[in-house]
Amino acid sequence: MAWFLVRFQFSAGSAKSMIEAPTDRFAPAKSLVESFGGKLHHYFFALGEFDGVGIAELPDNKSAAAFSMKAASTGGFAKFETTVLLSPTEGEAAMKQAHDAKVTYRAPNQ
């Protein structure tokens, strides 16, 4: 299973609906993640650019993309972003792979 950061901004209609009839939002989010074979570990409301964040495990990138498309297709969000997360061990392995790569890359401005 892979880990993902989910950030979302509710649409104006969703915000209005939640104010008019406050409801639990964790349960539907958990159900959505589980329907794609995942597990929702954390769900928080947030202040700032995004109204909330979640940390979820999903089987793979394809499942995460499908989950994101399903959520976004509801029209309940103005923004919906899913970001792959790497463990510290995976990050270190990526550093080693970059170090060992036998390729020279020249930036466009060089």
PDB file of N, CA and C in Angstrom:
ATOM      1  N   MET A   1       0.856  -1.183   0.000  1.00  0.00           N
ATOM      2  CA  MET A   1       0.000   0.000   0.000  1.00  0.00           C
ATOM      3  C   MET A   1       0.898   1.241   0.000  1.00  0.00           C
ATOM      4  N   ALA A   2       0.449   2.249  -0.704  1.00  0.00           N
ATOM      5  CA  ALA A   2       1.169   3.522  -0.790  1.00  0.00           C
ATOM      6  C   ALA A   2       0.425   4.578   0.028  1.00  0.00           C
ATOM      7  N   TRP A   3       1.171   5.552   0.503  1.00  0.00           N
ATOM      8  CA  TRP A   3       0.613   6.630   1.321  1.00  0.00           C
ATOM      9  C   TRP A   3       0.362   7.868   0.465  1.00  0.00           C
ATOM     10  N   PHE A   4      -0.705   8.595   0.802  1.00  0.00           N
ATOM     11  CA  PHE A   4      -1.080   9.792   0.051  1.00  0.00           C
ATOM     12  C   PHE A   4      -1.557  10.896   0.991  1.00  0.00           C
ATOM     13  N   LEU A   5      -1.213  12.118   0.623  1.00  0.00           N
ATOM     14  CA  LEU A   5      -1.741  13.318   1.265  1.00  0.00           C
ATOM     15  C   LEU A   5      -2.871  13.816   0.383  1.00  0.00           C
ATOM     16  N   VAL A   6      -4.024  14.041   0.972  1.00  0.00           N
ATOM     17  CA  VAL A   6      -5.174  14.556   0.234  1.00  0.00           C
ATOM     18  C   VAL A   6      -5.486  15.942   0.790  1.00  0.00           C
ATOM     19  N   ARG A   7      -5.573  16.932  -0.092  1.00  0.00           N
ATOM     20  CA  ARG A   7      -5.932  18.291   0.327  1.00  0.00           C
ATOM     21  C   ARG A   7      -7.144  18.717  -0.476  1.00  0.00           C
ATOM     22  N   PHE A   8      -8.086  19.355   0.191  1.00  0.00           N
ATOM     23  CA  PHE A   8      -9.312  19.722  -0.512  1.00  0.00           C
ATOM     24  C   PHE A   8      -9.841  21.064  -0.039  1.00  0.00           C
ATOM     25  N   GLN A   9     -10.519  21.705  -0.961  1.00  0.00           N
ATOM     26  CA  GLN A   9     -11.215  22.963  -0.693  1.00  0.00           C
ATOM     27  C   GLN A   9     -12.662  22.742  -1.122  1.00  0.00           C
ATOM     28  N   PHE A  10     -13.581  22.902  -0.185  1.00  0.00           N
ATOM     29  CA  PHE A  10     -14.992  22.697  -0.499  1.00  0.00           C
ATOM     30  C   PHE A  10     -15.493  23.762  -1.464  1.00  0.00           C
ATOM     31  N   SER A  11     -16.451  23.407  -2.288  1.00  0.00           N
ATOM     32  CA  SER A  11     -17.121  24.392  -3.135  1.00  0.00           C
ATOM     33  C   SER A  11     -17.992  25.263  -2.233  1.00  0.00           C
ATOM     34  N   ALA A  12     -18.407  26.414  -2.733  1.00  0.00           N
ATOM     35  CA  ALA A  12     -19.276  27.306  -1.955  1.00  0.00           C
ATOM     36  C   ALA A  12     -20.579  26.594  -1.589  1.00  0.00           C
ATOM     37  N   GLY A  13     -21.106  25.813  -2.520  1.00  0.00           N
ATOM     38  CA  GLY A  13     -22.340  25.076  -2.253  1.00  0.00           C
ATOM     39  C   GLY A  13     -22.177  24.057  -1.142  1.00  0.00           C
ATOM     40  N   SER A  14     -21.040  23.364  -1.120  1.00  0.00           N
ATOM     41  CA  SER A  14     -20.776  22.400  -0.047  1.00  0.00           C
ATOM     42  C   SER A  14     -20.658  23.099   1.295  1.00  0.00           C
ATOM     43  N   ALA A  15     -19.926  24.218   1.329  1.00  0.00           N
ATOM     44  CA  ALA A  15     -19.764  24.959   2.582  1.00  0.00           C
ATOM     45  C   ALA A  15     -21.121  25.427   3.112  1.00  0.00           C
ATOM     46  N   LYS A  16     -21.946  25.945   2.221  1.00  0.00           N
ATOM     47  CA  LYS A  16     -23.278  26.413   2.619  1.00  0.00           C
ATOM     48  C   LYS A  16     -24.113  25.264   3.177  1.00  0.00           C
ATOM     49  N   SER A  17     -24.070  24.139   2.517  1.00  0.00           N
ATOM     50  CA  SER A  17     -24.828  22.966   2.949  1.00  0.00           C
ATOM     51  C   SER A  17     -24.369  22.471   4.323  1.00  0.00           C
ATOM     52  N   MET A  18     -23.045  22.469   4.561  1.00  0.00           N
ATOM     53  CA  MET A  18     -22.522  22.001   5.855  1.00  0.00           C
ATOM     54  C   MET A  18     -22.891  22.958   6.984  1.00  0.00           C
ATOM     55  N   ILE A  19     -22.980  24.246   6.688  1.00  0.00           N
ATOM     56  CA  ILE A  19     -23.379  25.213   7.708  1.00  0.00           C
ATOM     57  C   ILE A  19     -24.858  25.064   8.030  1.00  0.00           C
ATOM     58  N   GLU A  20     -25.663  24.858   6.999  1.00  0.00           N
ATOM     59  CA  GLU A  20     -27.105  24.726   7.202  1.00  0.00           C
ATOM     60  C   GLU A  20     -27.477  23.428   7.921  1.00  0.00           C
ATOM     61  N   ALA A  21     -26.721  22.364   7.664  1.00  0.00           N
ATOM     62  CA  ALA A  21     -27.008  21.065   8.282  1.00  0.00           C
ATOM     63  C   ALA A  21     -25.686  20.370   8.601  1.00  0.00           C
ATOM     64  N   PRO A  22     -25.049  20.746   9.741  1.00  0.00           N
ATOM     65  CA  PRO A  22     -23.762  20.147  10.100  1.00  0.00           C
ATOM     66  C   PRO A  22     -23.832  18.617  10.144  1.00  0.00           C
ATOM     67  N   THR A  23     -22.848  17.985   9.522  1.00  0.00           N
ATOM     68  CA  THR A  23     -22.801  16.528   9.468  1.00  0.00           C
ATOM     69  C   THR A  23     -21.372  16.042   9.615  1.00  0.00           C
ATOM     70  N   ASP A  24     -21.253  14.785   9.979  1.00  0.00           N
ATOM     71  CA  ASP A  24     -19.962  14.118  10.059  1.00  0.00           C
ATOM     72  C   ASP A  24     -19.403  13.973   8.647  1.00  0.00           C
ATOM     73  N   ARG A  25     -18.220  14.472   8.382  1.00  0.00           N
ATOM     74  CA  ARG A  25     -17.602  14.330   7.060  1.00  0.00           C
ATOM     75  C   ARG A  25     -16.563  13.214   7.023  1.00  0.00           C
ATOM     76  N   PHE A  26     -16.142  12.727   8.209  1.00  0.00           N
ATOM     77  CA  PHE A  26     -15.158  11.647   8.242  1.00  0.00           C
ATOM     78  C   PHE A  26     -15.744  10.361   7.653  1.00  0.00           C
ATOM     79  N   ALA A  27     -16.962  10.016   8.042  1.00  0.00           N
ATOM     80  CA  ALA A  27     -17.569   8.754   7.603  1.00  0.00           C
ATOM     81  C   ALA A  27     -17.669   8.653   6.079  1.00  0.00           C
ATOM     82  N   PRO A  28     -18.185   9.685   5.364  1.00  0.00           N
ATOM     83  CA  PRO A  28     -18.234   9.554   3.911  1.00  0.00           C
ATOM     84  C   PRO A  28     -16.841   9.512   3.277  1.00  0.00           C
ATOM     85  N   ALA A  29     -15.893  10.251   3.841  1.00  0.00           N
ATOM     86  CA  ALA A  29     -14.529  10.231   3.299  1.00  0.00           C
ATOM     87  C   ALA A  29     -13.912   8.847   3.494  1.00  0.00           C
ATOM     88  N   LYS A  30     -14.098   8.279   4.664  1.00  0.00           N
ATOM     89  CA  LYS A  30     -13.581   6.946   4.973  1.00  0.00           C
ATOM     90  C   LYS A  30     -14.187   5.912   4.026  1.00  0.00           C
ATOM     91  N   SER A  31     -15.486   5.993   3.822  1.00  0.00           N
ATOM     92  CA  SER A  31     -16.173   5.069   2.925  1.00  0.00           C
ATOM     93  C   SER A  31     -15.639   5.174   1.496  1.00  0.00           C
ATOM     94  N   LEU A  32     -15.403   6.397   1.036  1.00  0.00           N
ATOM     95  CA  LEU A  32     -14.882   6.602  -0.318  1.00  0.00           C
ATOM     96  C   LEU A  32     -13.506   5.977  -0.463  1.00  0.00           C
ATOM     97  N   VAL A  33     -12.611   6.239   0.484  1.00  0.00           N
ATOM     98  CA  VAL A  33     -11.254   5.675   0.426  1.00  0.00           C
ATOM     99  C   VAL A  33     -11.324   4.145   0.454  1.00  0.00           C
ATOM    100  N   GLU A  34     -12.142   3.611   1.348  1.00  0.00           N
ATOM    101  CA  GLU A  34     -12.259   2.152   1.468  1.00  0.00           C
ATOM    102  C   GLU A  34     -12.822   1.514   0.193  1.00  0.00           C
ATOM    103  N   SER A  35     -13.672   2.229  -0.529  1.00  0.00           N
ATOM    104  CA  SER A  35     -14.250   1.672  -1.752  1.00  0.00           C
ATOM    105  C   SER A  35     -13.197   1.469  -2.840  1.00  0.00           C
ATOM    106  N   PHE A  36     -12.024   2.085  -2.678  1.00  0.00           N
ATOM    107  CA  PHE A  36     -10.916   1.889  -3.609  1.00  0.00           C
ATOM    108  C   PHE A  36      -9.814   1.031  -2.993  1.00  0.00           C
ATOM    109  N   GLY A  37     -10.164   0.284  -1.947  1.00  0.00           N
ATOM    110  CA  GLY A  37      -9.226  -0.643  -1.327  1.00  0.00           C
ATOM    111  C   GLY A  37      -8.263  -0.006  -0.358  1.00  0.00           C
ATOM    112  N   GLY A  38      -8.571   1.212   0.106  1.00  0.00           N
ATOM    113  CA  GLY A  38      -7.647   1.931   0.970  1.00  0.00           C
ATOM    114  C   GLY A  38      -8.105   2.061   2.403  1.00  0.00           C
ATOM    115  N   LYS A  39      -7.329   2.822   3.144  1.00  0.00           N
ATOM    116  CA  LYS A  39      -7.627   3.098   4.546  1.00  0.00           C
ATOM    117  C   LYS A  39      -7.360   4.578   4.810  1.00  0.00           C
ATOM    118  N   LEU A  40      -8.345   5.261   5.378  1.00  0.00           N
ATOM    119  CA  LEU A  40      -8.185   6.672   5.741  1.00  0.00           C
ATOM    120  C   LEU A  40      -7.670   6.734   7.169  1.00  0.00           C
ATOM    121  N   HIS A  41      -6.449   7.207   7.340  1.00  0.00           N
ATOM    122  CA  HIS A  41      -5.828   7.260   8.660  1.00  0.00           C
ATOM    123  C   HIS A  41      -6.169   8.542   9.415  1.00  0.00           C
ATOM    124  N   HIS A  42      -6.190   9.661   8.718  1.00  0.00           N
ATOM    125  CA  HIS A  42      -6.447  10.953   9.356  1.00  0.00           C
ATOM    126  C   HIS A  42      -7.305  11.819   8.446  1.00  0.00           C
ATOM    127  N   TYR A  43      -8.138  12.638   9.076  1.00  0.00           N
ATOM    128  CA  TYR A  43      -8.989  13.588   8.352  1.00  0.00           C
ATOM    129  C   TYR A  43      -9.101  14.820   9.239  1.00  0.00           C
ATOM    130  N   PHE A  44      -8.650  15.942   8.735  1.00  0.00           N
ATOM    131  CA  PHE A  44      -8.675  17.180   9.510  1.00  0.00           C
ATOM    132  C   PHE A  44      -9.303  18.311   8.698  1.00  0.00           C
ATOM    133  N   PHE A  45     -10.052  19.165   9.362  1.00  0.00           N
ATOM    134  CA  PHE A  45     -10.424  20.445   8.766  1.00  0.00           C
ATOM    135  C   PHE A  45      -9.219  21.351   8.973  1.00  0.00           C
ATOM    136  N   ALA A  46      -9.038  22.321   8.095  1.00  0.00           N
ATOM    137  CA  ALA A  46      -7.848  23.161   8.141  1.00  0.00           C
ATOM    138  C   ALA A  46      -8.216  24.603   7.827  1.00  0.00           C
ATOM    139  N   LEU A  47      -7.350  25.507   8.230  1.00  0.00           N
ATOM    140  CA  LEU A  47      -7.484  26.917   7.896  1.00  0.00           C
ATOM    141  C   LEU A  47      -6.440  27.242   6.842  1.00  0.00           C
ATOM    142  N   GLY A  48      -6.764  28.137   5.948  1.00  0.00           N
ATOM    143  CA  GLY A  48      -5.811  28.521   4.907  1.00  0.00           C
ATOM    144  C   GLY A  48      -6.345  28.206   3.532  1.00  0.00           C
ATOM    145  N   GLU A  49      -5.441  27.914   2.602  1.00  0.00           N
ATOM    146  CA  GLU A  49      -5.823  27.672   1.214  1.00  0.00           C
ATOM    147  C   GLU A  49      -6.745  26.458   1.070  1.00  0.00           C
ATOM    148  N   PHE A  50      -6.540  25.446   1.901  1.00  0.00           N
ATOM    149  CA  PHE A  50      -7.354  24.238   1.838  1.00  0.00           C
ATOM    150  C   PHE A  50      -8.225  24.151   3.086  1.00  0.00           C
ATOM    151  N   ASP A  51      -9.432  23.621   2.898  1.00  0.00           N
ATOM    152  CA  ASP A  51     -10.382  23.470   4.005  1.00  0.00           C
ATOM    153  C   ASP A  51     -10.141  22.213   4.810  1.00  0.00           C
ATOM    154  N   GLY A  52      -9.389  21.289   4.246  1.00  0.00           N
ATOM    155  CA  GLY A  52      -9.120  20.048   4.955  1.00  0.00           C
ATOM    156  C   GLY A  52      -8.005  19.259   4.323  1.00  0.00           C
ATOM    157  N   VAL A  53      -7.492  18.313   5.126  1.00  0.00           N
ATOM    158  CA  VAL A  53      -6.444  17.406   4.670  1.00  0.00           C
ATOM    159  C   VAL A  53      -6.740  16.006   5.198  1.00  0.00           C
ATOM    160  N   GLY A  54      -6.229  15.034   4.483  1.00  0.00           N
ATOM    161  CA  GLY A  54      -6.337  13.655   4.923  1.00  0.00           C
ATOM    162  C   GLY A  54      -5.060  12.915   4.607  1.00  0.00           C
ATOM    163  N   ILE A  55      -4.818  11.858   5.371  1.00  0.00           N
ATOM    164  CA  ILE A  55      -3.712  10.953   5.109  1.00  0.00           C
ATOM    165  C   ILE A  55      -4.340   9.588   4.890  1.00  0.00           C
ATOM    166  N   ALA A  56      -4.067   9.015   3.720  1.00  0.00           N
ATOM    167  CA  ALA A  56      -4.680   7.738   3.376  1.00  0.00           C
ATOM    168  C   ALA A  56      -3.656   6.790   2.776  1.00  0.00           C
ATOM    169  N   GLU A  57      -3.933   5.512   2.927  1.00  0.00           N
ATOM    170  CA  GLU A  57      -3.193   4.474   2.227  1.00  0.00           C
ATOM    171  C   GLU A  57      -4.110   3.932   1.147  1.00  0.00           C
ATOM    172  N   LEU A  58      -3.573   3.767  -0.040  1.00  0.00           N
ATOM    173  CA  LEU A  58      -4.308   3.172  -1.148  1.00  0.00           C
ATOM    174  C   LEU A  58      -3.397   2.146  -1.810  1.00  0.00           C
ATOM    175  N   PRO A  59      -3.981   1.160  -2.489  1.00  0.00           N
ATOM    176  CA  PRO A  59      -3.164   0.078  -3.042  1.00  0.00           C
ATOM    177  C   PRO A  59      -2.067   0.527  -4.006  1.00  0.00           C
ATOM    178  N   ASP A  60      -2.347   1.564  -4.810  1.00  0.00           N
ATOM    179  CA  ASP A  60      -1.378   1.977  -5.823  1.00  0.00           C
ATOM    180  C   ASP A  60      -1.790   3.338  -6.386  1.00  0.00           C
ATOM    181  N   ASN A  61      -0.965   3.865  -7.280  1.00  0.00           N
ATOM    182  CA  ASN A  61      -1.243   5.179  -7.873  1.00  0.00           C
ATOM    183  C   ASN A  61      -2.528   5.181  -8.685  1.00  0.00           C
ATOM    184  N   LYS A  62      -2.824   4.082  -9.388  1.00  0.00           N
ATOM    185  CA  LYS A  62      -4.049   4.005 -10.188  1.00  0.00           C
ATOM    186  C   LYS A  62      -5.277   4.119  -9.286  1.00  0.00           C
ATOM    187  N   SER A  63      -5.260   3.432  -8.153  1.00  0.00           N
ATOM    188  CA  SER A  63      -6.376   3.510  -7.203  1.00  0.00           C
ATOM    189  C   SER A  63      -6.507   4.922  -6.639  1.00  0.00           C
ATOM    190  N   ALA A  64      -5.373   5.563  -6.366  1.00  0.00           N
ATOM    191  CA  ALA A  64      -5.401   6.937  -5.852  1.00  0.00           C
ATOM    192  C   ALA A  64      -5.972   7.890  -6.896  1.00  0.00           C
ATOM    193  N   ALA A  65      -5.596   7.698  -8.153  1.00  0.00           N
ATOM    194  CA  ALA A  65      -6.132   8.553  -9.227  1.00  0.00           C
ATOM    195  C   ALA A  65      -7.634   8.341  -9.376  1.00  0.00           C
ATOM    196  N   ALA A  66      -8.074   7.098  -9.306  1.00  0.00           N
ATOM    197  CA  ALA A  66      -9.508   6.804  -9.422  1.00  0.00           C
ATOM    198  C   ALA A  66     -10.279   7.405  -8.243  1.00  0.00           C
ATOM    199  N   PHE A  67      -9.736   7.276  -7.049  1.00  0.00           N
ATOM    200  CA  PHE A  67     -10.346   7.877  -5.844  1.00  0.00           C
ATOM    201  C   PHE A  67     -10.476   9.385  -6.022  1.00  0.00           C
ATOM    202  N   SER A  68      -9.410  10.022  -6.474  1.00  0.00           N
ATOM    203  CA  SER A  68      -9.416  11.479  -6.659  1.00  0.00           C
ATOM    204  C   SER A  68     -10.433  11.905  -7.705  1.00  0.00           C
ATOM    205  N   MET A  69     -10.485  11.169  -8.816  1.00  0.00           N
ATOM    206  CA  MET A  69     -11.453  11.501  -9.867  1.00  0.00           C
ATOM    207  C   MET A  69     -12.888  11.351  -9.365  1.00  0.00           C
ATOM    208  N   LYS A  70     -13.138  10.299  -8.584  1.00  0.00           N
ATOM    209  CA  LYS A  70     -14.483  10.082  -8.060  1.00  0.00           C
ATOM    210  C   LYS A  70     -14.883  11.222  -7.128  1.00  0.00           C
ATOM    211  N   ALA A  71     -13.987  11.619  -6.239  1.00  0.00           N
ATOM    212  CA  ALA A  71     -14.286  12.719  -5.309  1.00  0.00           C
ATOM    213  C   ALA A  71     -14.496  14.023  -6.075  1.00  0.00           C
ATOM    214  N   ALA A  72     -13.596  14.322  -6.994  1.00  0.00           N
ATOM    215  CA  ALA A  72     -13.677  15.575  -7.744  1.00  0.00           C
ATOM    216  C   ALA A  72     -14.928  15.628  -8.619  1.00  0.00           C
ATOM    217  N   SER A  73     -15.363  14.470  -9.107  1.00  0.00           N
ATOM    218  CA  SER A  73     -16.515  14.441 -10.014  1.00  0.00           C
ATOM    219  C   SER A  73     -17.832  14.776  -9.325  1.00  0.00           C
ATOM    220  N   THR A  74     -17.845  14.812  -8.000  1.00  0.00           N
ATOM    221  CA  THR A  74     -19.085  15.111  -7.275  1.00  0.00           C
ATOM    222  C   THR A  74     -19.476  16.580  -7.372  1.00  0.00           C
ATOM    223  N   GLY A  75     -18.507  17.441  -7.675  1.00  0.00           N
ATOM    224  CA  GLY A  75     -18.778  18.875  -7.703  1.00  0.00           C
ATOM    225  C   GLY A  75     -18.754  19.509  -6.325  1.00  0.00           C
ATOM    226  N   GLY A  76     -18.437  18.718  -5.313  1.00  0.00           N
ATOM    227  CA  GLY A  76     -18.418  19.232  -3.946  1.00  0.00           C
ATOM    228  C   GLY A  76     -17.152  19.977  -3.564  1.00  0.00           C
ATOM    229  N   PHE A  77     -16.192  19.989  -4.478  1.00  0.00           N
ATOM    230  CA  PHE A  77     -14.903  20.596  -4.164  1.00  0.00           C
ATOM    231  C   PHE A  77     -14.510  21.627  -5.203  1.00  0.00           C
ATOM    232  N   ALA A  78     -13.929  22.727  -4.735  1.00  0.00           N
ATOM    233  CA  ALA A  78     -13.348  23.718  -5.627  1.00  0.00           C
ATOM    234  C   ALA A  78     -11.939  23.280  -6.024  1.00  0.00           C
ATOM    235  N   LYS A  79     -11.242  22.576  -5.110  1.00  0.00           N
ATOM    236  CA  LYS A  79      -9.905  22.025  -5.356  1.00  0.00           C
ATOM    237  C   LYS A  79      -9.840  20.665  -4.678  1.00  0.00           C
ATOM    238  N   PHE A  80      -9.150  19.727  -5.327  1.00  0.00           N
ATOM    239  CA  PHE A  80      -8.943  18.402  -4.744  1.00  0.00           C
ATOM    240  C   PHE A  80      -7.603  17.902  -5.253  1.00  0.00           C
ATOM    241  N   GLU A  81      -6.645  17.733  -4.347  1.00  0.00           N
ATOM    242  CA  GLU A  81      -5.289  17.322  -4.727  1.00  0.00           C
ATOM    243  C   GLU A  81      -4.886  16.074  -3.963  1.00  0.00           C
ATOM    244  N   THR A  82      -4.249  15.157  -4.660  1.00  0.00           N
ATOM    245  CA  THR A  82      -3.723  13.944  -4.042  1.00  0.00           C
ATOM    246  C   THR A  82      -2.234  13.878  -4.353  1.00  0.00           C
ATOM    247  N   THR A  83      -1.417  13.745  -3.311  1.00  0.00           N
ATOM    248  CA  THR A  83       0.033  13.753  -3.446  1.00  0.00           C
ATOM    249  C   THR A  83       0.609  12.452  -2.898  1.00  0.00           C
ATOM    250  N   VAL A  84       1.465  11.808  -3.671  1.00  0.00           N
ATOM    251  CA  VAL A  84       2.145  10.600  -3.202  1.00  0.00           C
ATOM    252  C   VAL A  84       3.119  10.982  -2.095  1.00  0.00           C
ATOM    253  N   LEU A  85       3.141  10.183  -1.032  1.00  0.00           N
ATOM    254  CA  LEU A  85       4.077  10.392   0.067  1.00  0.00           C
ATOM    255  C   LEU A  85       5.102   9.262   0.086  1.00  0.00           C
ATOM    256  N   LEU A  86       6.345   9.606   0.380  1.00  0.00           N
ATOM    257  CA  LEU A  86       7.410   8.615   0.498  1.00  0.00           C
ATOM    258  C   LEU A  86       7.838   8.513   1.952  1.00  0.00           C
ATOM    259  N   SER A  87       8.079   7.307   2.408  1.00  0.00           N
ATOM    260  CA  SER A  87       8.613   7.115   3.753  1.00  0.00           C
ATOM    261  C   SER A  87      10.061   7.612   3.769  1.00  0.00           C
ATOM    262  N   PRO A  88      10.633   7.837   4.949  1.00  0.00           N
ATOM    263  CA  PRO A  88      12.051   8.232   4.992  1.00  0.00           C
ATOM    264  C   PRO A  88      12.952   7.204   4.299  1.00  0.00           C
ATOM    265  N   THR A  89      12.637   5.929   4.421  1.00  0.00           N
ATOM    266  CA  THR A  89      13.426   4.883   3.769  1.00  0.00           C
ATOM    267  C   THR A  89      13.317   4.995   2.256  1.00  0.00           C
ATOM    268  N   GLU A  90      12.107   5.234   1.744  1.00  0.00           N
ATOM    269  CA  GLU A  90      11.923   5.410   0.303  1.00  0.00           C
ATOM    270  C   GLU A  90      12.635   6.667  -0.188  1.00  0.00           C
ATOM    271  N   GLY A  91      12.594   7.724   0.604  1.00  0.00           N
ATOM    272  CA  GLY A  91      13.296   8.953   0.244  1.00  0.00           C
ATOM    273  C   GLY A  91      14.791   8.733   0.142  1.00  0.00           C
ATOM    274  N   GLU A  92      15.353   8.010   1.111  1.00  0.00           N
ATOM    275  CA  GLU A  92      16.787   7.714   1.086  1.00  0.00           C
ATOM    276  C   GLU A  92      17.140   6.841  -0.122  1.00  0.00           C
ATOM    277  N   ALA A  93      16.286   5.863  -0.425  1.00  0.00           N
ATOM    278  CA  ALA A  93      16.532   5.008  -1.593  1.00  0.00           C
ATOM    279  C   ALA A  93      16.515   5.839  -2.877  1.00  0.00           C
ATOM    280  N   ALA A  94      15.612   6.824  -2.948  1.00  0.00           N
ATOM    281  CA  ALA A  94      15.563   7.698  -4.122  1.00  0.00           C
ATOM    282  C   ALA A  94      16.843   8.529  -4.225  1.00  0.00           C
ATOM    283  N   MET A  95      17.340   9.016  -3.080  1.00  0.00           N
ATOM    284  CA  MET A  95      18.591   9.778  -3.087  1.00  0.00           C
ATOM    285  C   MET A  95      19.739   8.924  -3.608  1.00  0.00           C
ATOM    286  N   LYS A  96      19.795   7.672  -3.150  1.00  0.00           N
ATOM    287  CA  LYS A  96      20.859   6.764  -3.593  1.00  0.00           C
ATOM    288  C   LYS A  96      20.739   6.480  -5.084  1.00  0.00           C
ATOM    289  N   GLN A  97      19.513   6.276  -5.567  1.00  0.00           N
ATOM    290  CA  GLN A  97      19.310   6.011  -6.991  1.00  0.00           C
ATOM    291  C   GLN A  97      19.734   7.214  -7.824  1.00  0.00           C
ATOM    292  N   ALA A  98      19.395   8.417  -7.362  1.00  0.00           N
ATOM    293  CA  ALA A  98      19.814   9.631  -8.078  1.00  0.00           C
ATOM    294  C   ALA A  98      21.338   9.746  -8.068  1.00  0.00           C
ATOM    295  N   HIS A  99      21.940   9.427  -6.939  1.00  0.00           N
ATOM    296  CA  HIS A  99      23.397   9.482  -6.820  1.00  0.00           C
ATOM    297  C   HIS A  99      24.070   8.521  -7.788  1.00  0.00           C
ATOM    298  N   ASP A 100      23.504   7.328  -7.929  1.00  0.00           N
ATOM    299  CA  ASP A 100      24.106   6.285  -8.748  1.00  0.00           C
ATOM    300  C   ASP A 100      23.752   6.385 -10.237  1.00  0.00           C
ATOM    301  N   ALA A 101      22.846   7.274 -10.597  1.00  0.00           N
ATOM    302  CA  ALA A 101      22.414   7.389 -11.994  1.00  0.00           C
ATOM    303  C   ALA A 101      23.587   7.786 -12.882  1.00  0.00           C
ATOM    304  N   LYS A 102      23.717   7.097 -13.990  1.00  0.00           N
ATOM    305  CA  LYS A 102      24.814   7.364 -14.931  1.00  0.00           C
ATOM    306  C   LYS A 102      24.310   8.217 -16.089  1.00  0.00           C
ATOM    307  N   VAL A 103      23.743   9.363 -15.754  1.00  0.00           N
ATOM    308  CA  VAL A 103      23.209  10.258 -16.763  1.00  0.00           C
ATOM    309  C   VAL A 103      23.599  11.687 -16.394  1.00  0.00           C
ATOM    310  N   THR A 104      23.826  12.481 -17.402  1.00  0.00           N
ATOM    311  CA  THR A 104      24.110  13.891 -17.187  1.00  0.00           C
ATOM    312  C   THR A 104      22.912  14.672 -17.673  1.00  0.00           C
ATOM    313  N   TYR A 105      22.404  15.518 -16.826  1.00  0.00           N
ATOM    314  CA  TYR A 105      21.256  16.332 -17.188  1.00  0.00           C
ATOM    315  C   TYR A 105      21.680  17.787 -17.247  1.00  0.00           C
ATOM    316  N   ARG A 106      21.341  18.448 -18.323  1.00  0.00           N
ATOM    317  CA  ARG A 106      21.678  19.855 -18.485  1.00  0.00           C
ATOM    318  C   ARG A 106      20.382  20.644 -18.401  1.00  0.00           C
ATOM    319  N   ALA A 107      20.305  21.578 -17.467  1.00  0.00           N
ATOM    320  CA  ALA A 107      19.102  22.398 -17.287  1.00  0.00           C
ATOM    321  C   ALA A 107      18.857  23.277 -18.518  1.00  0.00           C
ATOM    322  N   PRO A 108      17.610  23.630 -18.784  1.00  0.00           N
ATOM    323  CA  PRO A 108      17.300  24.450 -19.960  1.00  0.00           C
ATOM    324  C   PRO A 108      18.028  25.798 -19.993  1.00  0.00           C
ATOM    325  N   ASN A 109      18.362  26.332 -18.838  1.00  0.00           N
ATOM    326  CA  ASN A 109      19.002  27.652 -18.793  1.00  0.00           C
ATOM    327  C   ASN A 109      20.534  27.567 -18.900  1.00  0.00           C
ATOM    328  N   GLN A 110      21.061  26.421 -19.194  1.00  0.00           N
ATOM    329  CA  GLN A 110      22.529  26.279 -19.280  1.00  0.00           C
ATOM    330  C   GLN A 110      22.981  26.126 -20.705  1.00  0.00           C
TER     331      GLN A 110
END
